[in-house]
Structures are given as C-alpha cells and as structure tokens.
Protein backbone atom coordinates (compact mmCIF):
# COMPACT_ATOMS: atom_id res chain seq x y z
CA VAL A 1 -150.04 -31.03 75.10
CA GLN A 2 -152.59 -28.22 75.47
CA LEU A 3 -152.46 -24.54 75.14
CA VAL A 4 -155.42 -22.40 76.11
CA GLU A 5 -155.37 -18.68 75.38
CA SER A 6 -157.60 -16.10 77.10
CA GLY A 7 -157.77 -12.39 77.82
CA GLY A 8 -158.80 -11.06 74.39
CA GLY A 9 -161.55 -8.63 73.90
CA LEU A 10 -162.64 -5.20 72.62
CA VAL A 11 -160.50 -2.30 73.64
CA GLN A 12 -160.14 1.33 72.50
CA PRO A 13 -156.98 2.64 70.76
CA GLY A 14 -154.43 3.42 73.34
CA GLY A 15 -155.75 0.75 75.77
CA SER A 16 -154.11 -2.30 77.21
CA LEU A 17 -154.85 -6.07 77.34
CA ARG A 18 -153.02 -8.92 78.89
CA LEU A 19 -153.30 -12.29 77.16
CA SER A 20 -152.62 -15.53 78.97
CA CYS A 21 -151.66 -18.93 77.64
CA VAL A 22 -152.17 -21.69 80.09
CA THR A 23 -150.18 -24.79 79.16
CA SER A 24 -150.47 -28.39 80.20
CA GLY A 25 -148.98 -31.75 79.24
CA PHE A 26 -145.33 -30.63 79.29
CA THR A 27 -142.81 -28.79 81.45
CA LEU A 28 -143.07 -25.17 80.28
CA SER A 29 -139.60 -24.13 81.45
CA ASN A 30 -138.00 -26.54 78.86
CA TYR A 31 -139.58 -24.95 75.81
CA ARG A 32 -139.40 -21.86 73.73
CA MET A 33 -142.77 -20.28 73.41
CA ARG A 34 -144.24 -17.67 70.90
CA TRP A 35 -147.22 -15.51 70.32
CA TYR A 36 -148.52 -15.14 66.78
CA ARG A 37 -151.43 -13.19 65.41
CA GLN A 38 -153.56 -13.35 62.27
CA ALA A 39 -155.64 -10.57 60.96
CA PRO A 40 -158.49 -11.01 58.48
CA GLY A 41 -157.16 -11.70 54.96
CA LYS A 42 -153.51 -11.75 56.14
CA GLU A 43 -150.94 -14.37 56.89
CA ARG A 44 -150.14 -15.37 60.48
CA GLU A 45 -147.28 -13.36 61.77
CA LEU A 46 -144.91 -13.76 64.66
CA VAL A 47 -145.47 -11.22 67.39
CA ALA A 48 -143.12 -12.18 70.18
CA GLY A 49 -141.05 -15.09 71.48
CA ILE A 50 -139.36 -16.15 74.71
CA LEU A 51 -136.58 -18.73 75.09
CA SER A 52 -136.57 -21.44 77.71
CA TYR A 53 -134.51 -21.15 80.91
CA VAL A 54 -133.01 -17.71 80.27
CA SER A 55 -136.19 -16.03 79.10
CA THR A 56 -134.54 -14.01 76.41
CA THR A 57 -137.27 -12.29 74.37
CA ASN A 58 -137.66 -11.03 70.80
CA TYR A 59 -140.38 -8.98 69.18
CA ALA A 60 -141.72 -7.98 65.76
CA ASP A 61 -140.76 -4.42 64.93
CA SER A 62 -144.48 -3.47 64.82
CA VAL A 63 -144.95 -4.19 68.55
CA LYS A 64 -141.55 -3.45 70.01
CA GLY A 65 -141.79 -1.12 72.97
CA ARG A 66 -145.51 -1.73 73.33
CA PHE A 67 -145.84 -5.51 73.92
CA THR A 68 -144.09 -7.66 76.55
CA ILE A 69 -143.91 -11.44 76.60
CA SER A 70 -143.26 -13.21 79.84
CA ARG A 71 -143.61 -16.57 81.44
CA ASP A 72 -144.41 -17.97 84.89
CA ASN A 73 -143.24 -21.55 84.89
CA ALA A 74 -144.71 -22.30 88.29
CA LYS A 75 -148.14 -21.35 86.90
CA ASN A 76 -147.47 -23.05 83.53
CA THR A 77 -148.53 -19.79 81.80
CA VAL A 78 -147.11 -17.53 79.16
CA TYR A 79 -148.34 -13.91 79.01
CA LEU A 80 -148.46 -11.14 76.42
CA GLN A 81 -148.92 -7.70 77.95
CA MET A 82 -150.12 -5.36 75.14
CA ASN A 83 -150.05 -1.59 75.76
CA SER A 84 -150.80 1.44 73.50
CA LEU A 85 -152.92 -0.75 71.36
CA LYS A 86 -153.66 0.34 67.78
CA PRO A 87 -156.45 -0.60 65.40
CA GLU A 88 -153.84 -2.54 63.34
CA ASP A 89 -153.27 -4.81 66.26
CA THR A 90 -156.76 -6.27 65.65
CA ALA A 91 -156.31 -10.00 65.12
CA VAL A 92 -156.72 -13.46 66.53
CA TYR A 93 -153.73 -14.13 68.84
CA TYR A 94 -152.33 -17.61 69.11
CA CYS A 95 -149.91 -19.18 71.64
CA ASN A 96 -147.33 -21.60 70.12
CA ARG A 97 -144.87 -24.04 71.56
CA VAL A 98 -142.00 -24.07 69.10
CA ASN A 99 -140.81 -27.64 69.51
CA GLY A 100 -143.51 -29.92 68.02
CA ASP A 101 -145.45 -26.90 66.65
CA TYR A 102 -148.35 -26.94 69.08
CA TRP A 103 -150.98 -24.22 68.94
CA GLY A 104 -153.87 -22.99 71.00
CA GLN A 105 -157.29 -22.09 69.70
CA GLY A 106 -156.69 -18.39 69.63
CA THR A 107 -158.19 -15.33 71.37
CA GLN A 108 -159.78 -12.44 69.48
CA VAL A 109 -158.32 -8.93 70.09
CA THR A 110 -160.28 -5.99 68.53
CA VAL A 111 -158.96 -2.47 68.86
CA SER A 112 -161.66 0.02 67.93
CA SER A 113 -163.33 3.15 69.07
C-alpha cells in the first residue's frame, strides 16, 4: 500500500489549491479515505472524509463550504479542492486510508501574503 500526496505550495489568502493523493497496492473504490492536516505545534486533525462506493463526504466545521473531497477510482486518486484559503489553513496535509491506517508522507500548504 502506498499513498503519495502532491499539490501543496505557497498561496495567498483567498486563493485555491488542489491536493492529490495517488494510491497503489489496493482497490481504491473499496476503502474509505480521509484528509488530515497538522499545523506546527498542534495535533493532527481530520479535515475531510469520503466513503467507499457511495462517496458520501464529511468535513470539519472549519473547512465546510470551502473544501471539497472527491475520488477518481479509475485514476486511483483522491483529491482535496481547497478554496478561499486562510492563513489558519497552513499545515502539512496527509492522505489516509482508514482501514489499516495507512498514511502518505504529507504535502505542505502555506497560506500567506
């Protein structure tokens, strides 16, 4: 099992980024997937999740209405579209497969002017 995140970077407040998590070693459609983030000096927090098959989603209150999680099972990829970014969104973002608790290496998102 491998999860590889990409798409992070430096963006100004109000900007957008799309994170990708390319998966391998398992059938993506069979698993729930989540995005987490960890800011310096803070605990890792759940940002968004998506169920298998029906693709029902859930979000942290802090990102609801701004972030969208999605999946493309044919491309073995999970996405996190982040709009209206704020400085408090600055963190390392991690992709997670719920069953078995697999993690990617993370991608840094910095929101700053």
